[in-house]
Amino acid sequence: MNEFWQKRILIVAAAWNVFGGTGALLNPANHFGSLYAGALSLQDPLQLFFYRCTWINVIAWGGAYLLAAFLPATRRAVLIAGGAGKLVYFLATVSLYSSGIGKTGILAAGLVDLCLAVLFAAAAFAPRRAAMGEPA
């Protein structure tokens, strides 16, 4: 996979994380209600803390993907760590959906992350090509 596609995939992943995380933080009731069958008590300080930390972390990973898009030297590590996280998130969504706690939307989000994980792996482990003018 060449530089052009790696950069584009990372920009799409950054947008996916930042918009998803921001939406979840700005409207938690809508976010939670559309993805889960249960309820979240944001009046409980512990649940509120973990909810916010989760989505702040998602947004931060979006920032890492954006940085890796423009800083190729960091790219492989971000692709591997981010891809592993996206794969585990997909497995968690399958578990939630299978248990009846997660709605179809959570499974759809997990499938997007699975697709990104596959693309991240393809980019991280693609043979490196020499840039124009550099010896191979």
Protein backbone atom coordinates (compact mmCIF):
# COMPACT_ATOMS: atom_id res chain seq x y z
CA MET A 1 0.00 0.00 0.00
CA ASN A 2 1.53 3.30 -1.03
CA GLU A 3 1.96 6.57 0.89
CA PHE A 4 -1.10 8.17 -0.74
CA TRP A 5 -3.48 5.45 0.50
CA GLN A 6 -1.89 5.12 3.92
CA LYS A 7 -2.32 8.84 4.50
CA ARG A 8 -5.96 8.78 3.33
CA ILE A 9 -6.85 5.79 5.52
CA LEU A 10 -5.36 7.49 8.57
CA ILE A 11 -7.26 10.72 7.84
CA VAL A 12 -10.54 8.77 7.52
CA ALA A 13 -9.80 6.92 10.78
CA ALA A 14 -9.00 10.22 12.50
CA ALA A 15 -12.31 11.71 11.37
CA TRP A 16 -14.21 8.54 12.42
CA ASN A 17 -12.71 8.71 15.92
CA VAL A 18 -12.97 12.47 16.43
CA PHE A 19 -16.55 12.80 15.15
CA GLY A 20 -17.70 9.67 16.97
CA GLY A 21 -16.07 10.66 20.24
CA THR A 22 -17.24 14.26 20.04
CA GLY A 23 -20.80 13.18 19.28
CA ALA A 24 -20.79 10.78 22.22
CA LEU A 25 -19.51 13.48 24.58
CA LEU A 26 -21.88 16.19 23.36
CA ASN A 27 -25.03 14.05 23.39
CA PRO A 28 -24.52 11.01 25.62
CA ALA A 29 -28.22 10.19 25.92
CA ASN A 30 -28.65 9.95 22.14
CA HIS A 31 -25.39 8.08 21.72
CA PHE A 32 -26.12 5.54 24.43
CA GLY A 33 -29.77 5.14 23.48
CA SER A 34 -28.97 4.42 19.85
CA LEU A 35 -26.32 1.79 20.56
CA TYR A 36 -27.31 0.00 23.77
CA ALA A 37 -30.42 -1.63 25.19
CA GLY A 38 -29.51 -0.74 28.78
CA ALA A 39 -29.21 2.61 30.52
CA LEU A 40 -26.22 4.60 31.69
CA SER A 41 -26.46 6.67 34.86
CA LEU A 42 -24.43 9.80 34.19
CA GLN A 43 -25.54 11.11 37.58
CA ASP A 44 -23.17 8.52 39.09
CA PRO A 45 -19.75 10.27 39.16
CA LEU A 46 -17.88 7.00 38.51
CA GLN A 47 -19.95 6.09 35.43
CA LEU A 48 -19.66 9.68 34.14
CA PHE A 49 -15.88 9.61 34.65
CA PHE A 50 -15.41 6.34 32.74
CA TYR A 51 -17.81 7.38 29.98
CA ARG A 52 -15.95 10.65 29.43
CA CYS A 53 -12.51 9.03 29.67
CA THR A 54 -13.46 6.41 27.10
CA TRP A 55 -14.54 8.99 24.54
CA ILE A 56 -11.67 11.36 25.30
CA ASN A 57 -9.35 8.42 24.62
CA VAL A 58 -11.12 7.72 21.31
CA ILE A 59 -10.65 11.36 20.30
CA ALA A 60 -6.99 11.26 21.34
CA TRP A 61 -6.44 8.21 19.12
CA GLY A 62 -8.03 10.22 16.31
CA GLY A 63 -5.34 12.83 16.93
CA ALA A 64 -2.67 10.12 16.79
CA TYR A 65 -4.03 8.88 13.45
CA LEU A 66 -3.95 12.42 12.06
CA LEU A 67 -0.39 12.95 13.25
CA ALA A 68 0.69 9.62 11.75
CA ALA A 69 -0.92 10.62 8.46
CA PHE A 70 1.46 13.57 8.21
CA LEU A 71 4.47 12.11 10.06
CA PRO A 72 5.36 8.90 8.23
CA ALA A 73 8.14 8.01 10.69
CA THR A 74 5.48 7.40 13.39
CA ARG A 75 3.06 5.62 11.13
CA ARG A 76 3.88 1.94 11.59
CA ALA A 77 3.66 1.99 15.40
CA VAL A 78 0.36 3.90 15.32
CA LEU A 79 -1.07 1.56 12.69
CA ILE A 80 -0.16 -1.55 14.69
CA ALA A 81 -1.37 -0.25 18.07
CA GLY A 82 -4.48 1.38 16.58
CA GLY A 83 -5.30 -1.69 14.52
CA ALA A 84 -5.03 -3.94 17.57
CA GLY A 85 -7.36 -1.63 19.48
CA LYS A 86 -9.87 -1.55 16.65
CA LEU A 87 -9.83 -5.35 16.39
CA VAL A 88 -10.47 -5.74 20.12
CA TYR A 89 -13.24 -3.12 19.95
CA PHE A 90 -14.88 -5.12 17.15
CA LEU A 91 -14.77 -8.26 19.32
CA ALA A 92 -16.29 -6.32 22.23
CA THR A 93 -19.14 -5.09 20.00
CA VAL A 94 -19.86 -8.64 18.84
CA SER A 95 -20.02 -9.72 22.48
CA LEU A 96 -22.36 -6.85 23.40
CA TYR A 97 -24.60 -7.51 20.41
CA SER A 98 -24.67 -11.26 21.05
CA SER A 99 -25.67 -10.72 24.68
CA GLY A 100 -28.56 -8.45 23.71
CA ILE A 101 -27.04 -5.40 25.41
CA GLY A 102 -25.82 -3.88 22.15
CA LYS A 103 -28.11 -2.81 19.34
CA THR A 104 -27.40 -3.15 15.62
CA GLY A 105 -25.70 0.25 15.61
CA ILE A 106 -22.94 -0.95 17.93
CA LEU A 107 -22.28 -3.91 15.64
CA ALA A 108 -22.14 -1.57 12.62
CA ALA A 109 -19.61 0.64 14.43
CA GLY A 110 -17.60 -2.47 15.26
CA LEU A 111 -17.61 -3.54 11.62
CA VAL A 112 -16.25 -0.14 10.56
CA ASP A 113 -13.47 -0.56 13.12
CA LEU A 114 -12.79 -4.10 11.85
CA CYS A 115 -12.44 -2.76 8.30
CA LEU A 116 -10.07 -0.06 9.55
CA ALA A 117 -8.07 -2.70 11.47
CA VAL A 118 -7.64 -4.73 8.28
CA LEU A 119 -6.58 -1.63 6.34
CA PHE A 120 -4.19 -0.65 9.15
CA ALA A 121 -2.58 -4.11 9.02
CA ALA A 122 -2.25 -3.92 5.24
CA ALA A 123 -0.61 -0.51 5.54
CA ALA A 124 1.66 -1.43 8.47
CA PHE A 125 2.98 -4.59 6.88
CA ALA A 126 3.10 -3.44 3.25
CA PRO A 127 6.51 -3.65 1.63
CA ARG A 128 8.26 -0.31 1.92
CA ARG A 129 8.89 1.44 -1.37
CA ALA A 130 11.68 3.88 -1.93
CA ALA A 131 10.62 7.46 -2.60
CA MET A 132 11.20 8.95 -6.02
CA GLY A 133 14.87 9.66 -6.54
CA GLU A 134 16.03 7.49 -3.64
CA PRO A 135 17.90 4.26 -4.26
CA ALA A 136 15.84 1.13 -3.65
